[in-house]
Amino acid sequence: MENEIHWVLDVSFREDDSRIRRGNTAGNMTAVRHITLTMLRKEQACKKGIKAKRFKAALNTDYAEKVLLTVFKTFMRLPCFLGFIL
C-alpha cells in the first residue's frame, strides 16, 4: 500500500523530480500532494486516472469545483461538523 501511494504520487505529480528543498517546504508540498490525491480519488464522476483528472481540473474550473465540493461534503458528515450549517 505504501509503495502504491509513492508510485501514484511520482507518476501523477512527478514528486521524485521535485526540486523543492528549502526549510519545511518539501514536507508542506508532500502534504498538499497527499490531500490532492485524496480529493481526486474521492471524485467518482470522471472515470479517468489521477493524472487525467488533475489535468481536467486545471482546464475546467467547474470540474475543479466539483472535486472540492465532493471532498467537502464527505467531511461535513463527520461528527465534529454535524452542527455546522452553511
Protein backbone atom coordinates (compact mmCIF):
# COMPACT_ATOMS: atom_id res chain seq x y z
CA MET A 1 0.00 0.00 0.00
CA GLU A 2 2.72 2.46 0.97
CA ASN A 3 4.65 1.80 -2.24
CA GLU A 4 1.49 2.26 -4.31
CA ILE A 5 0.96 5.76 -2.87
CA HIS A 6 4.52 6.77 -3.66
CA TRP A 7 4.23 5.35 -7.17
CA VAL A 8 0.98 7.28 -7.83
CA LEU A 9 2.49 10.48 -6.42
CA ASP A 10 5.55 10.08 -8.63
CA VAL A 11 3.59 9.29 -11.80
CA SER A 12 0.82 11.87 -11.28
CA PHE A 13 2.73 14.68 -9.61
CA ARG A 14 6.33 13.85 -10.62
CA GLU A 15 7.25 14.01 -6.96
CA ASP A 16 10.69 12.45 -7.44
CA ASP A 17 11.63 15.27 -9.84
CA SER A 18 10.67 17.98 -7.36
CA ARG A 19 13.48 20.43 -6.62
CA ILE A 20 11.84 21.94 -3.55
CA ARG A 21 14.43 21.84 -0.76
CA ARG A 22 14.19 24.98 1.41
CA GLY A 23 13.03 24.64 5.04
CA ASN A 24 9.73 22.86 5.55
CA THR A 25 8.58 23.47 2.00
CA ALA A 26 9.22 19.90 0.83
CA GLY A 27 7.14 18.46 3.66
CA ASN A 28 4.38 21.01 3.10
CA MET A 29 4.20 20.21 -0.61
CA THR A 30 4.10 16.49 0.17
CA ALA A 31 1.09 17.12 2.41
CA VAL A 32 -0.61 19.18 -0.32
CA ARG A 33 0.01 16.39 -2.86
CA HIS A 34 -1.45 13.77 -0.50
CA ILE A 35 -4.55 15.90 0.11
CA THR A 36 -4.95 16.50 -3.63
CA LEU A 37 -4.57 12.78 -4.32
CA THR A 38 -7.31 12.02 -1.78
CA MET A 39 -9.62 14.61 -3.35
CA LEU A 40 -9.12 13.23 -6.85
CA ARG A 41 -9.68 9.65 -5.68
CA LYS A 42 -12.94 10.58 -3.93
CA GLU A 43 -14.38 12.20 -7.07
CA GLN A 44 -16.14 9.37 -8.90
CA ALA A 45 -17.97 11.12 -11.77
CA CYS A 46 -14.93 11.13 -14.05
CA LYS A 47 -13.78 7.57 -14.75
CA LYS A 48 -10.19 8.50 -15.60
CA GLY A 49 -6.84 8.23 -13.89
CA ILE A 50 -5.46 10.67 -11.35
CA LYS A 51 -3.23 12.40 -13.88
CA ALA A 52 -6.14 12.93 -16.30
CA LYS A 53 -8.42 14.18 -13.51
CA ARG A 54 -5.73 16.63 -12.44
CA PHE A 55 -5.37 17.92 -15.98
CA LYS A 56 -9.14 18.22 -16.37
CA ALA A 57 -9.39 20.18 -13.09
CA ALA A 58 -6.65 22.54 -14.28
CA LEU A 59 -8.54 23.28 -17.51
CA ASN A 60 -12.12 23.23 -16.26
CA THR A 61 -12.98 25.31 -13.18
CA ASP A 62 -16.42 23.69 -12.93
CA TYR A 63 -14.80 20.27 -12.60
CA ALA A 64 -12.27 21.62 -10.07
CA GLU A 65 -15.16 22.99 -8.01
CA LYS A 66 -16.90 19.61 -8.23
CA VAL A 67 -13.78 17.86 -6.89
CA LEU A 68 -13.54 20.30 -3.98
CA LEU A 69 -17.24 20.01 -3.14
CA THR A 70 -17.12 16.20 -3.23
CA VAL A 71 -14.49 16.18 -0.51
CA PHE A 72 -16.18 18.98 1.45
CA LYS A 73 -19.46 17.04 1.53
CA THR A 74 -17.58 13.99 2.83
CA PHE A 75 -16.06 15.99 5.68
CA MET A 76 -19.43 17.54 6.55
CA ARG A 77 -20.71 14.07 7.51
CA LEU A 78 -18.11 13.77 10.27
CA PRO A 79 -19.47 14.05 13.84
CA CYS A 80 -17.46 17.21 14.52
CA PHE A 81 -19.32 19.01 11.69
CA LEU A 82 -22.86 17.77 12.33
CA GLY A 83 -23.96 21.04 14.00
CA PHE A 84 -22.23 23.21 11.39
CA ILE A 85 -24.62 24.96 8.98
CA LEU A 86 -23.63 26.66 5.74
